[in-house]
């Protein structure tokens, strides 16, 4: 069975714009997914990236246009300027890691729930009530917001180290079990093509 390691951030708008295409592609090819949320700003610092607010104004302006266009094409609501930007991604990531460890619920739906809450609904995904609501909506026990903190924090840090070691430098980033790497939601067609066994 093919496998995909999925490196992403709950504060990445381009991860949000991927929607559920990764899960659809994985199901099509019988592939499994391991969700690996990480600290995107720390990843940028480690791999030569620049945080959005520190980029040249022309790059910031282009990013906003690109987000608007991509959201329209995907049919997704998008608020390109959340009230809190950037929000702390750690609490939602810890909850997602704890949820994945249970083997219950829909981890993909939980990831999308956090992303939608932030990028469409302008909710603070670092707040307990928002995290609990997203957990419940995806079929998880809301108590995971509290009980999974320690293991979540350890795995969150390990995900960053692993990502850097494997050549990840942005989000979303997909790595197959044969070490083919795909960066960006706009490379999902290439991932689909690769899993189909195209040369």
N, C-alpha and C. Protein backbone atom coordinates (compact mmCIF):
# COMPACT_ATOMS: atom_id res chain seq x y z
N UNK A 1 0.85 -1.19 0.00
CA UNK A 1 0.00 0.00 0.00
C UNK A 1 0.89 1.24 0.00
N UNK A 2 0.58 2.18 -0.86
CA UNK A 2 1.31 3.45 -0.89
C UNK A 2 1.02 4.25 0.37
N UNK A 3 1.96 5.10 0.73
CA UNK A 3 1.81 5.93 1.92
C UNK A 3 2.27 7.35 1.63
N UNK A 4 1.61 8.31 2.27
CA UNK A 4 1.95 9.73 2.10
C UNK A 4 2.17 10.34 3.47
N UNK A 5 3.34 10.94 3.66
CA UNK A 5 3.58 11.78 4.83
C UNK A 5 3.18 13.20 4.44
N UNK A 6 2.27 13.76 5.20
CA UNK A 6 1.66 15.06 4.86
C UNK A 6 2.09 16.09 5.88
N UNK A 7 3.00 16.97 5.46
CA UNK A 7 3.50 18.04 6.32
C UNK A 7 2.70 19.30 6.01
N UNK A 8 2.13 19.89 7.04
CA UNK A 8 1.26 21.04 6.82
C UNK A 8 1.21 21.88 8.08
N UNK A 9 0.57 23.03 7.96
CA UNK A 9 0.39 23.91 9.11
C UNK A 9 -1.07 24.33 9.19
N UNK A 10 -1.61 24.35 10.38
CA UNK A 10 -3.01 24.74 10.55
C UNK A 10 -3.22 26.23 10.32
N UNK A 11 -2.12 26.96 10.02
CA UNK A 11 -2.25 28.39 9.69
C UNK A 11 -1.88 28.69 8.24
N UNK A 12 -1.74 27.65 7.43
CA UNK A 12 -1.34 27.85 6.04
C UNK A 12 -2.56 28.00 5.13
N UNK A 13 -2.71 29.16 4.46
CA UNK A 13 -3.87 29.33 3.59
C UNK A 13 -3.84 28.39 2.39
N UNK A 14 -2.65 28.07 1.91
CA UNK A 14 -2.57 27.18 0.75
C UNK A 14 -2.90 25.74 1.14
N UNK A 15 -2.65 25.38 2.39
CA UNK A 15 -3.11 24.09 2.90
C UNK A 15 -4.64 24.08 2.93
N UNK A 16 -5.24 25.18 3.38
CA UNK A 16 -6.70 25.30 3.38
C UNK A 16 -7.26 25.13 1.97
N UNK A 17 -6.61 25.75 0.99
CA UNK A 17 -7.12 25.72 -0.38
C UNK A 17 -7.02 24.34 -1.02
N UNK A 18 -6.24 23.45 -0.42
CA UNK A 18 -6.17 22.08 -0.94
C UNK A 18 -7.48 21.33 -0.70
N UNK A 19 -8.30 21.82 0.23
CA UNK A 19 -9.58 21.16 0.51
C UNK A 19 -9.36 19.71 0.92
N UNK A 20 -10.17 18.82 0.36
CA UNK A 20 -10.04 17.40 0.69
C UNK A 20 -9.46 16.59 -0.47
N UNK A 21 -8.76 17.29 -1.37
CA UNK A 21 -8.20 16.59 -2.53
C UNK A 21 -7.18 15.53 -2.15
N UNK A 22 -6.36 15.79 -1.13
CA UNK A 22 -5.39 14.77 -0.73
C UNK A 22 -6.10 13.49 -0.32
N UNK A 23 -7.12 13.62 0.49
CA UNK A 23 -7.85 12.44 0.95
C UNK A 23 -8.52 11.71 -0.22
N UNK A 24 -9.03 12.46 -1.18
CA UNK A 24 -9.65 11.84 -2.37
C UNK A 24 -8.62 11.09 -3.19
N UNK A 25 -7.44 11.68 -3.36
CA UNK A 25 -6.37 11.03 -4.12
C UNK A 25 -5.89 9.78 -3.39
N UNK A 26 -5.72 9.88 -2.09
CA UNK A 26 -5.28 8.72 -1.31
C UNK A 26 -6.29 7.58 -1.41
N UNK A 27 -7.56 7.91 -1.31
CA UNK A 27 -8.59 6.87 -1.41
C UNK A 27 -8.58 6.23 -2.80
N UNK A 28 -8.42 7.04 -3.81
CA UNK A 28 -8.39 6.54 -5.20
C UNK A 28 -7.29 5.51 -5.40
N UNK A 29 -6.14 5.73 -4.76
CA UNK A 29 -5.00 4.86 -4.97
C UNK A 29 -4.75 3.89 -3.81
N UNK A 30 -5.65 3.86 -2.83
CA UNK A 30 -5.49 2.97 -1.69
C UNK A 30 -4.29 3.33 -0.83
N UNK A 31 -3.96 4.62 -0.76
CA UNK A 31 -2.81 5.07 0.00
C UNK A 31 -3.22 5.52 1.40
N UNK A 32 -2.34 5.32 2.35
CA UNK A 32 -2.56 5.82 3.70
C UNK A 32 -1.88 7.18 3.85
N UNK A 33 -2.31 7.93 4.88
CA UNK A 33 -1.77 9.27 5.13
C UNK A 33 -1.39 9.37 6.59
N UNK A 34 -0.21 9.94 6.86
CA UNK A 34 0.14 10.35 8.22
C UNK A 34 0.18 11.87 8.22
N UNK A 35 -0.64 12.46 9.07
CA UNK A 35 -0.73 13.92 9.17
C UNK A 35 0.36 14.41 10.12
N UNK A 36 1.17 15.36 9.64
CA UNK A 36 2.32 15.84 10.40
C UNK A 36 2.29 17.37 10.50
N UNK A 37 1.44 17.90 11.36
CA UNK A 37 1.41 19.37 11.52
C UNK A 37 2.73 19.86 12.10
N UNK A 38 3.14 21.04 11.65
CA UNK A 38 4.40 21.59 12.11
C UNK A 38 4.32 23.11 12.22
N UNK A 39 5.37 23.67 12.81
CA UNK A 39 5.50 25.12 12.99
C UNK A 39 6.06 25.70 11.70
N UNK A 40 5.20 26.30 10.90
CA UNK A 40 5.60 26.78 9.58
C UNK A 40 6.61 27.92 9.66
N UNK A 41 6.43 28.83 10.60
CA UNK A 41 7.37 29.95 10.71
C UNK A 41 8.76 29.45 11.13
N UNK A 42 8.81 28.45 12.00
CA UNK A 42 10.09 27.86 12.37
C UNK A 42 10.70 27.12 11.19
N UNK A 43 9.86 26.49 10.38
CA UNK A 43 10.35 25.81 9.18
C UNK A 43 10.98 26.82 8.22
N UNK A 44 10.30 27.95 8.02
CA UNK A 44 10.86 29.00 7.16
C UNK A 44 12.24 29.42 7.67
N UNK A 45 12.33 29.63 8.97
CA UNK A 45 13.59 30.09 9.56
C UNK A 45 14.71 29.07 9.35
N UNK A 46 14.35 27.80 9.33
CA UNK A 46 15.35 26.74 9.20
C UNK A 46 15.73 26.45 7.75
N UNK A 47 14.86 26.85 6.80
CA UNK A 47 15.08 26.43 5.41
C UNK A 47 15.16 27.60 4.42
N UNK A 48 15.35 28.82 4.93
CA UNK A 48 15.55 29.95 4.04
C UNK A 48 14.30 30.65 3.58
N UNK A 49 13.16 30.35 4.18
CA UNK A 49 11.92 31.02 3.81
C UNK A 49 11.76 32.34 4.56
N UNK A 50 10.82 33.15 4.10
CA UNK A 50 10.54 34.44 4.73
C UNK A 50 9.07 34.47 5.16
N UNK A 51 8.77 34.78 6.42
CA UNK A 51 7.37 34.89 6.85
C UNK A 51 6.62 35.92 6.01
N UNK A 52 5.33 35.71 5.77
CA UNK A 52 4.57 36.62 4.91
C UNK A 52 4.70 38.09 5.26
N UNK A 53 4.64 38.43 6.54
CA UNK A 53 4.66 39.85 6.92
C UNK A 53 6.04 40.49 6.76
N UNK A 54 7.05 39.67 6.51
CA UNK A 54 8.40 40.20 6.32
C UNK A 54 8.80 40.23 4.85
N UNK A 55 7.90 39.81 3.97
CA UNK A 55 8.21 39.79 2.55
C UNK A 55 8.08 41.18 1.94
N UNK A 56 8.71 41.36 0.81
CA UNK A 56 8.63 42.62 0.08
C UNK A 56 7.16 42.92 -0.22
N UNK A 57 6.75 44.20 -0.21
CA UNK A 57 5.34 44.54 -0.48
C UNK A 57 4.80 43.95 -1.78
N UNK A 58 5.63 43.85 -2.80
CA UNK A 58 5.13 43.29 -4.06
C UNK A 58 4.79 41.81 -3.91
N UNK A 59 5.57 41.10 -3.09
CA UNK A 59 5.28 39.69 -2.84
C UNK A 59 4.02 39.55 -1.98
N UNK A 60 3.85 40.42 -1.01
CA UNK A 60 2.65 40.39 -0.19
C UNK A 60 1.40 40.66 -1.02
N UNK A 61 1.49 41.64 -1.92
CA UNK A 61 0.34 41.97 -2.77
C UNK A 61 0.00 40.80 -3.70
N UNK A 62 1.03 40.18 -4.27
CA UNK A 62 0.79 39.05 -5.16
C UNK A 62 0.15 37.90 -4.40
N UNK A 63 0.63 37.63 -3.19
CA UNK A 63 0.08 36.55 -2.38
C UNK A 63 -1.42 36.74 -2.17
N UNK A 64 -1.84 37.97 -1.88
CA UNK A 64 -3.26 38.23 -1.65
C UNK A 64 -4.07 38.00 -2.93
N UNK A 65 -3.53 38.41 -4.08
CA UNK A 65 -4.23 38.16 -5.34
C UNK A 65 -4.33 36.67 -5.62
N UNK A 66 -3.23 35.96 -5.39
CA UNK A 66 -3.21 34.53 -5.65
C UNK A 66 -4.20 33.80 -4.74
N UNK A 67 -4.26 34.19 -3.48
CA UNK A 67 -5.21 33.57 -2.56
C UNK A 67 -6.64 33.81 -3.03
N UNK A 68 -6.95 35.02 -3.45
CA UNK A 68 -8.30 35.34 -3.94
C UNK A 68 -8.65 34.48 -5.15
N UNK A 69 -7.74 34.39 -6.12
CA UNK A 69 -8.00 33.62 -7.33
C UNK A 69 -8.16 32.14 -7.02
N UNK A 70 -7.25 31.62 -6.21
CA UNK A 70 -7.30 30.19 -5.90
C UNK A 70 -8.54 29.80 -5.11
N UNK A 71 -8.95 30.66 -4.19
CA UNK A 71 -10.15 30.38 -3.42
C UNK A 71 -11.38 30.36 -4.34
N UNK A 72 -11.42 31.29 -5.27
CA UNK A 72 -12.55 31.33 -6.20
C UNK A 72 -12.60 30.07 -7.06
N UNK A 73 -11.44 29.64 -7.53
CA UNK A 73 -11.39 28.43 -8.36
C UNK A 73 -11.78 27.20 -7.56
N UNK A 74 -11.42 27.18 -6.28
CA UNK A 74 -11.73 26.02 -5.44
C UNK A 74 -13.15 26.07 -4.89
N UNK A 75 -13.83 27.20 -5.05
CA UNK A 75 -15.17 27.34 -4.50
C UNK A 75 -15.19 27.41 -2.99
N UNK A 76 -14.12 27.97 -2.41
CA UNK A 76 -14.01 28.06 -0.95
C UNK A 76 -14.07 29.50 -0.49
N UNK A 77 -14.81 29.74 0.59
CA UNK A 77 -14.80 31.07 1.20
C UNK A 77 -13.43 31.31 1.80
N UNK A 78 -12.93 32.54 1.71
CA UNK A 78 -11.61 32.84 2.24
C UNK A 78 -11.56 34.28 2.73
N UNK A 79 -11.08 34.44 3.96
CA UNK A 79 -10.78 35.76 4.50
C UNK A 79 -9.26 35.87 4.49
N UNK A 80 -8.67 36.58 3.52
CA UNK A 80 -7.20 36.59 3.39
C UNK A 80 -6.48 37.37 4.48
N UNK A 81 -7.23 38.09 5.30
CA UNK A 81 -6.63 38.87 6.38
C UNK A 81 -7.33 38.55 7.71
N UNK A 82 -7.01 37.39 8.31
CA UNK A 82 -7.62 37.05 9.59
C UNK A 82 -7.31 38.12 10.64
N UNK A 83 -8.22 38.29 11.58
CA UNK A 83 -8.06 39.29 12.63
C UNK A 83 -6.77 39.09 13.40
N UNK A 84 -6.46 37.83 13.74
CA UNK A 84 -5.21 37.51 14.42
C UNK A 84 -4.30 36.82 13.42
N UNK A 85 -3.22 37.50 13.03
CA UNK A 85 -2.32 36.93 12.04
C UNK A 85 -0.88 37.26 12.38
N UNK A 86 -0.05 36.25 12.52
CA UNK A 86 -0.42 34.84 12.52
C UNK A 86 -0.90 34.40 13.90
N UNK A 87 -1.84 33.49 13.90
CA UNK A 87 -2.31 32.93 15.16
C UNK A 87 -1.33 31.84 15.60
N UNK A 88 -1.32 31.51 16.88
CA UNK A 88 -0.45 30.45 17.39
C UNK A 88 -0.99 29.09 16.90
N UNK A 89 -0.23 28.38 16.06
CA UNK A 89 -0.73 27.11 15.53
C UNK A 89 -0.53 25.92 16.46
N UNK A 90 0.23 26.09 17.54
CA UNK A 90 0.58 24.94 18.38
C UNK A 90 -0.64 24.26 19.01
N UNK A 91 -1.57 24.98 19.67
CA UNK A 91 -2.68 24.28 20.33
C UNK A 91 -3.52 23.41 19.39
N UNK A 92 -3.84 23.94 18.22
CA UNK A 92 -4.63 23.14 17.28
C UNK A 92 -3.83 21.95 16.77
N UNK A 93 -2.53 22.15 16.58
CA UNK A 93 -1.67 21.05 16.12
C UNK A 93 -1.56 19.96 17.17
N UNK A 94 -1.42 20.35 18.44
CA UNK A 94 -1.36 19.35 19.52
C UNK A 94 -2.64 18.52 19.53
N UNK A 95 -3.78 19.19 19.38
CA UNK A 95 -5.06 18.48 19.39
C UNK A 95 -5.16 17.52 18.21
N UNK A 96 -4.69 17.96 17.06
CA UNK A 96 -4.75 17.10 15.88
C UNK A 96 -3.86 15.87 16.05
N UNK A 97 -2.67 16.07 16.60
CA UNK A 97 -1.77 14.94 16.86
C UNK A 97 -2.40 13.96 17.84
N UNK A 98 -3.01 14.47 18.90
CA UNK A 98 -3.68 13.61 19.88
C UNK A 98 -4.84 12.86 19.23
N UNK A 99 -5.58 13.54 18.38
CA UNK A 99 -6.71 12.91 17.70
C UNK A 99 -6.23 11.78 16.79
N UNK A 100 -5.17 12.03 16.05
CA UNK A 100 -4.64 11.01 15.14
C UNK A 100 -4.19 9.78 15.94
N UNK A 101 -3.64 10.01 17.11
CA UNK A 101 -3.15 8.89 17.94
C UNK A 101 -4.27 8.00 18.46
N UNK A 102 -5.49 8.52 18.52
CA UNK A 102 -6.60 7.70 19.01
C UNK A 102 -7.05 6.66 18.00
N UNK A 103 -6.83 6.94 16.71
CA UNK A 103 -7.31 6.04 15.67
C UNK A 103 -8.80 6.16 15.41
N UNK A 104 -9.45 7.13 16.04
CA UNK A 104 -10.89 7.35 15.85
C UNK A 104 -11.11 8.61 15.03
N UNK A 105 -12.36 8.84 14.64
CA UNK A 105 -12.73 10.08 13.98
C UNK A 105 -12.07 10.25 12.62
N UNK A 106 -12.20 11.43 12.07
CA UNK A 106 -11.71 11.74 10.73
C UNK A 106 -10.63 12.82 10.86
N UNK A 107 -9.37 12.42 10.79
CA UNK A 107 -8.26 13.36 10.99
C UNK A 107 -8.23 14.40 9.88
N UNK A 108 -8.51 13.98 8.65
CA UNK A 108 -8.56 14.93 7.54
C UNK A 108 -9.62 15.99 7.76
N UNK A 109 -10.78 15.56 8.24
CA UNK A 109 -11.85 16.52 8.51
C UNK A 109 -11.45 17.47 9.63
N UNK A 110 -10.71 16.97 10.61
CA UNK A 110 -10.26 17.84 11.70
C UNK A 110 -9.28 18.88 11.18
N UNK A 111 -8.33 18.46 10.37
CA UNK A 111 -7.38 19.42 9.79
C UNK A 111 -8.12 20.48 8.99
N UNK A 112 -9.05 20.05 8.16
CA UNK A 112 -9.83 21.01 7.36
C UNK A 112 -10.69 21.89 8.24
N UNK A 113 -11.16 21.34 9.35
CA UNK A 113 -11.98 22.13 10.27
C UNK A 113 -11.20 23.27 10.89
N UNK A 114 -9.96 23.00 11.31
CA UNK A 114 -9.12 24.07 11.85
C UNK A 114 -8.83 25.12 10.78
N UNK A 115 -8.50 24.66 9.58
CA UNK A 115 -8.17 25.59 8.50
C UNK A 115 -9.37 26.46 8.12
N UNK A 116 -10.54 25.84 8.05
CA UNK A 116 -11.75 26.61 7.72
C UNK A 116 -12.07 27.60 8.82
N UNK A 117 -11.94 27.15 10.07
CA UNK A 117 -12.24 28.04 11.20
C UNK A 117 -11.39 29.30 11.12
N UNK A 118 -10.13 29.13 10.73
CA UNK A 118 -9.22 30.28 10.68
C UNK A 118 -9.38 31.10 9.41
N UNK A 119 -9.36 30.43 8.25
CA UNK A 119 -9.30 31.16 6.97
C UNK A 119 -10.67 31.53 6.40
N UNK A 120 -11.72 30.92 6.85
CA UNK A 120 -13.05 31.29 6.35
C UNK A 120 -13.90 31.95 7.42
N UNK A 121 -13.80 31.44 8.66
CA UNK A 121 -14.69 31.91 9.72
C UNK A 121 -14.05 32.93 10.66
N UNK A 122 -12.77 33.20 10.46
CA UNK A 122 -12.03 34.19 11.26
C UNK A 122 -12.11 33.88 12.75
N UNK A 123 -11.93 32.60 13.10
CA UNK A 123 -11.94 32.18 14.50
C UNK A 123 -10.50 31.97 14.97
N UNK A 124 -10.30 32.15 16.24
CA UNK A 124 -8.98 31.98 16.84
C UNK A 124 -8.76 30.51 17.17
N UNK A 125 -8.00 29.81 16.35
CA UNK A 125 -7.83 28.38 16.54
C UNK A 125 -6.83 28.04 17.65
N UNK A 126 -6.40 29.05 18.38
CA UNK A 126 -5.60 28.79 19.58
C UNK A 126 -6.47 28.76 20.83
N UNK A 127 -7.76 29.08 20.70
CA UNK A 127 -8.66 29.11 21.84
C UNK A 127 -9.29 27.74 22.09
N UNK A 128 -9.43 27.40 23.35
CA UNK A 128 -9.94 26.08 23.73
C UNK A 128 -11.32 25.78 23.14
N UNK A 129 -12.23 26.76 23.19
CA UNK A 129 -13.58 26.47 22.72
C UNK A 129 -13.62 26.19 21.22
N UNK A 130 -12.77 26.87 20.46
CA UNK A 130 -12.71 26.63 19.01
C UNK A 130 -12.11 25.25 18.74
N UNK A 131 -11.06 24.92 19.45
CA UNK A 131 -10.42 23.61 19.29
C UNK A 131 -11.41 22.49 19.63
N UNK A 132 -12.12 22.65 20.75
CA UNK A 132 -13.10 21.64 21.15
C UNK A 132 -14.21 21.49 20.12
N UNK A 133 -14.67 22.60 19.58
CA UNK A 133 -15.72 22.57 18.57
C UNK A 133 -15.25 21.82 17.33
N UNK A 134 -14.03 22.10 16.88
CA UNK A 134 -13.49 21.41 15.71
C UNK A 134 -13.34 19.92 15.97
N UNK A 135 -12.88 19.55 17.18
CA UNK A 135 -12.76 18.13 17.53
C UNK A 135 -14.12 17.43 17.45
N UNK A 136 -15.13 18.03 18.03
CA UNK A 136 -16.46 17.43 18.03
C UNK A 136 -16.98 17.28 16.60
N UNK A 137 -16.82 18.32 15.80
CA UNK A 137 -17.32 18.29 14.42
C UNK A 137 -16.68 17.16 13.60
N UNK A 138 -15.44 16.80 13.95
CA UNK A 138 -14.74 15.75 13.21
C UNK A 138 -14.89 14.37 13.86
N UNK A 139 -15.69 14.29 14.93
CA UNK A 139 -15.98 13.01 15.54
C UNK A 139 -15.03 12.59 16.65
N UNK A 140 -14.35 13.57 17.26
CA UNK A 140 -13.41 13.27 18.34
C UNK A 140 -13.92 13.78 19.68
N UNK A 141 -13.36 13.21 20.73
CA UNK A 141 -13.66 13.64 22.09
C UNK A 141 -13.04 15.02 22.31
N UNK A 142 -13.84 16.01 22.71
CA UNK A 142 -13.28 17.35 22.92
C UNK A 142 -12.25 17.41 24.03
N UNK A 143 -12.23 16.41 24.92
CA UNK A 143 -11.26 16.38 26.00
C UNK A 143 -9.83 16.22 25.49
N UNK A 144 -9.67 15.82 24.22
CA UNK A 144 -8.34 15.71 23.64
C UNK A 144 -7.61 17.05 23.63
N UNK A 145 -8.38 18.13 23.70
CA UNK A 145 -7.78 19.46 23.75
C UNK A 145 -6.90 19.62 24.97
N UNK A 146 -7.20 18.86 26.01
CA UNK A 146 -6.42 18.92 27.26
C UNK A 146 -5.49 17.72 27.43
N UNK A 147 -6.00 16.54 27.16
CA UNK A 147 -5.26 15.32 27.49
C UNK A 147 -4.09 15.05 26.57
N UNK A 148 -4.10 15.62 25.37
CA UNK A 148 -3.03 15.31 24.42
C UNK A 148 -1.93 16.33 24.36
N UNK A 149 -1.85 17.22 25.35
CA UNK A 149 -0.90 18.33 25.27
C UNK A 149 0.55 17.88 25.26
N UNK A 150 0.93 17.00 26.16
CA UNK A 150 2.33 16.61 26.27
C UNK A 150 2.80 15.84 25.05
N UNK A 151 2.05 14.79 24.68
CA UNK A 151 2.47 14.01 23.51
C UNK A 151 2.38 14.85 22.24
N UNK A 152 1.38 15.73 22.19
CA UNK A 152 1.26 16.61 21.03
C UNK A 152 2.44 17.53 20.89
N UNK A 153 2.89 18.11 21.99
CA UNK A 153 4.03 19.03 21.95
C UNK A 153 5.30 18.30 21.51
N UNK A 154 5.50 17.10 22.01
CA UNK A 154 6.69 16.34 21.65
C UNK A 154 6.68 15.98 20.16
N UNK A 155 5.54 15.52 19.68
CA UNK A 155 5.44 15.13 18.27
C UNK A 155 5.53 16.34 17.36
N UNK A 156 4.94 17.45 17.78
CA UNK A 156 4.98 18.69 16.99
C UNK A 156 6.43 19.11 16.75
N UNK A 157 7.24 19.09 17.77
CA UNK A 157 8.65 19.41 17.62
C UNK A 157 9.38 18.40 16.75
N UNK A 158 9.06 17.11 16.94
CA UNK A 158 9.69 16.06 16.14
C UNK A 158 9.31 16.19 14.68
N UNK A 159 8.08 16.60 14.41
CA UNK A 159 7.64 16.78 13.02
C UNK A 159 8.50 17.82 12.31
N UNK A 160 8.81 18.90 13.01
CA UNK A 160 9.64 19.95 12.41
C UNK A 160 11.03 19.41 12.09
N UNK A 161 11.63 18.72 13.05
CA UNK A 161 12.97 18.18 12.82
C UNK A 161 12.97 17.19 11.66
N UNK A 162 11.97 16.34 11.62
CA UNK A 162 11.86 15.35 10.56
C UNK A 162 11.67 16.04 9.21
N UNK A 163 10.83 17.07 9.19
CA UNK A 163 10.56 17.78 7.95
C UNK A 163 11.84 18.40 7.39
N UNK A 164 12.60 19.06 8.25
CA UNK A 164 13.85 19.68 7.80
C UNK A 164 14.80 18.61 7.25
N UNK A 165 14.89 17.48 7.94
CA UNK A 165 15.78 16.40 7.51
C UNK A 165 15.36 15.81 6.17
N UNK A 166 14.06 15.83 5.89
CA UNK A 166 13.55 15.21 4.65
C UNK A 166 13.43 16.20 3.49
N UNK A 167 13.82 17.46 3.71
CA UNK A 167 13.80 18.41 2.61
C UNK A 167 12.53 19.21 2.46
N UNK A 168 11.70 19.22 3.48
CA UNK A 168 10.47 20.01 3.46
C UNK A 168 10.82 21.47 3.72
N UNK A 169 10.21 22.39 2.98
CA UNK A 169 10.50 23.81 3.18
C UNK A 169 9.26 24.70 3.12
N UNK A 170 8.10 24.12 2.99
CA UNK A 170 6.86 24.89 2.95
C UNK A 170 5.68 23.99 3.23
N UNK A 171 4.48 24.56 3.13
CA UNK A 171 3.27 23.78 3.39
C UNK A 171 2.15 24.23 2.45
N UNK A 172 1.38 23.25 1.97
CA UNK A 172 1.44 21.82 2.26
C UNK A 172 2.57 21.14 1.48
N UNK A 173 3.06 20.06 2.04
CA UNK A 173 4.17 19.31 1.44
C UNK A 173 3.86 17.84 1.60
N UNK A 174 3.98 17.08 0.52
CA UNK A 174 3.61 15.68 0.50
C UNK A 174 4.82 14.85 0.10
N UNK A 175 5.13 13.79 0.86
CA UNK A 175 6.23 12.90 0.52
C UNK A 175 5.71 11.47 0.49
N UNK A 176 5.92 10.80 -0.63
CA UNK A 176 5.48 9.41 -0.77
C UNK A 176 6.52 8.47 -0.18
N UNK A 177 6.15 7.21 -0.04
CA UNK A 177 7.06 6.25 0.57
C UNK A 177 8.26 5.94 -0.32
N UNK A 178 8.24 6.36 -1.59
CA UNK A 178 9.42 6.22 -2.43
C UNK A 178 10.16 7.55 -2.58
N UNK A 179 9.90 8.46 -1.63
CA UNK A 179 10.60 9.74 -1.51
C UNK A 179 10.38 10.69 -2.68
N UNK A 180 9.23 10.62 -3.31
CA UNK A 180 8.85 11.65 -4.27
C UNK A 180 8.22 12.78 -3.47
N UNK A 181 8.62 14.02 -3.76
CA UNK A 181 8.20 15.17 -2.96
C UNK A 181 7.36 16.12 -3.80
N UNK A 182 6.32 16.63 -3.19
CA UNK A 182 5.40 17.54 -3.87
C UNK A 182 5.09 18.69 -2.93
N UNK A 183 5.36 19.91 -3.37
CA UNK A 183 5.15 21.10 -2.56
C UNK A 183 4.00 21.93 -3.14
N UNK A 184 3.02 22.18 -2.31
CA UNK A 184 1.94 23.07 -2.69
C UNK A 184 0.67 22.35 -3.09
N UNK A 185 -0.44 22.99 -2.79
CA UNK A 185 -1.73 22.39 -3.15
C UNK A 185 -1.90 22.27 -4.66
N UNK A 186 -1.16 23.08 -5.41
CA UNK A 186 -1.25 23.04 -6.86
C UNK A 186 -0.40 21.93 -7.46
N UNK A 187 0.20 21.08 -6.63
CA UNK A 187 0.94 19.92 -7.12
C UNK A 187 0.23 18.61 -6.81
N UNK A 188 -1.01 18.71 -6.38
CA UNK A 188 -1.75 17.49 -6.07
C UNK A 188 -2.03 16.65 -7.32
N UNK A 189 -2.22 17.30 -8.46
CA UNK A 189 -2.39 16.53 -9.70
C UNK A 189 -1.15 15.71 -10.00
N UNK A 190 0.03 16.29 -9.69
CA UNK A 190 1.28 15.55 -9.91
C UNK A 190 1.39 14.37 -8.95
N UNK A 191 0.93 14.56 -7.71
CA UNK A 191 0.92 13.45 -6.75
C UNK A 191 -0.01 12.35 -7.23
N UNK A 192 -1.16 12.70 -7.72
CA UNK A 192 -2.13 11.75 -8.27
C UNK A 192 -1.50 10.97 -9.42
N UNK A 193 -0.84 11.69 -10.31
CA UNK A 193 -0.18 11.09 -11.47
C UNK A 193 0.89 10.11 -11.02
N UNK A 194 1.68 10.50 -10.03
CA UNK A 194 2.74 9.63 -9.53
C UNK A 194 2.17 8.35 -8.91
N UNK A 195 1.14 8.49 -8.09
CA UNK A 195 0.56 7.31 -7.45
C UNK A 195 -0.11 6.37 -8.45
N UNK A 196 -0.46 6.92 -9.60
CA UNK A 196 -1.04 6.07 -10.67
C UNK A 196 0.02 5.27 -11.37
N UNK A 197 1.30 5.52 -11.02
CA UNK A 197 2.38 4.75 -11.61
C UNK A 197 2.88 5.28 -12.92
N UNK A 198 2.60 6.55 -13.18
CA UNK A 198 3.09 7.15 -14.42
C UNK A 198 4.61 7.32 -14.32
N UNK A 199 5.32 7.11 -15.43
CA UNK A 199 6.78 7.20 -15.41
C UNK A 199 7.26 8.64 -15.25
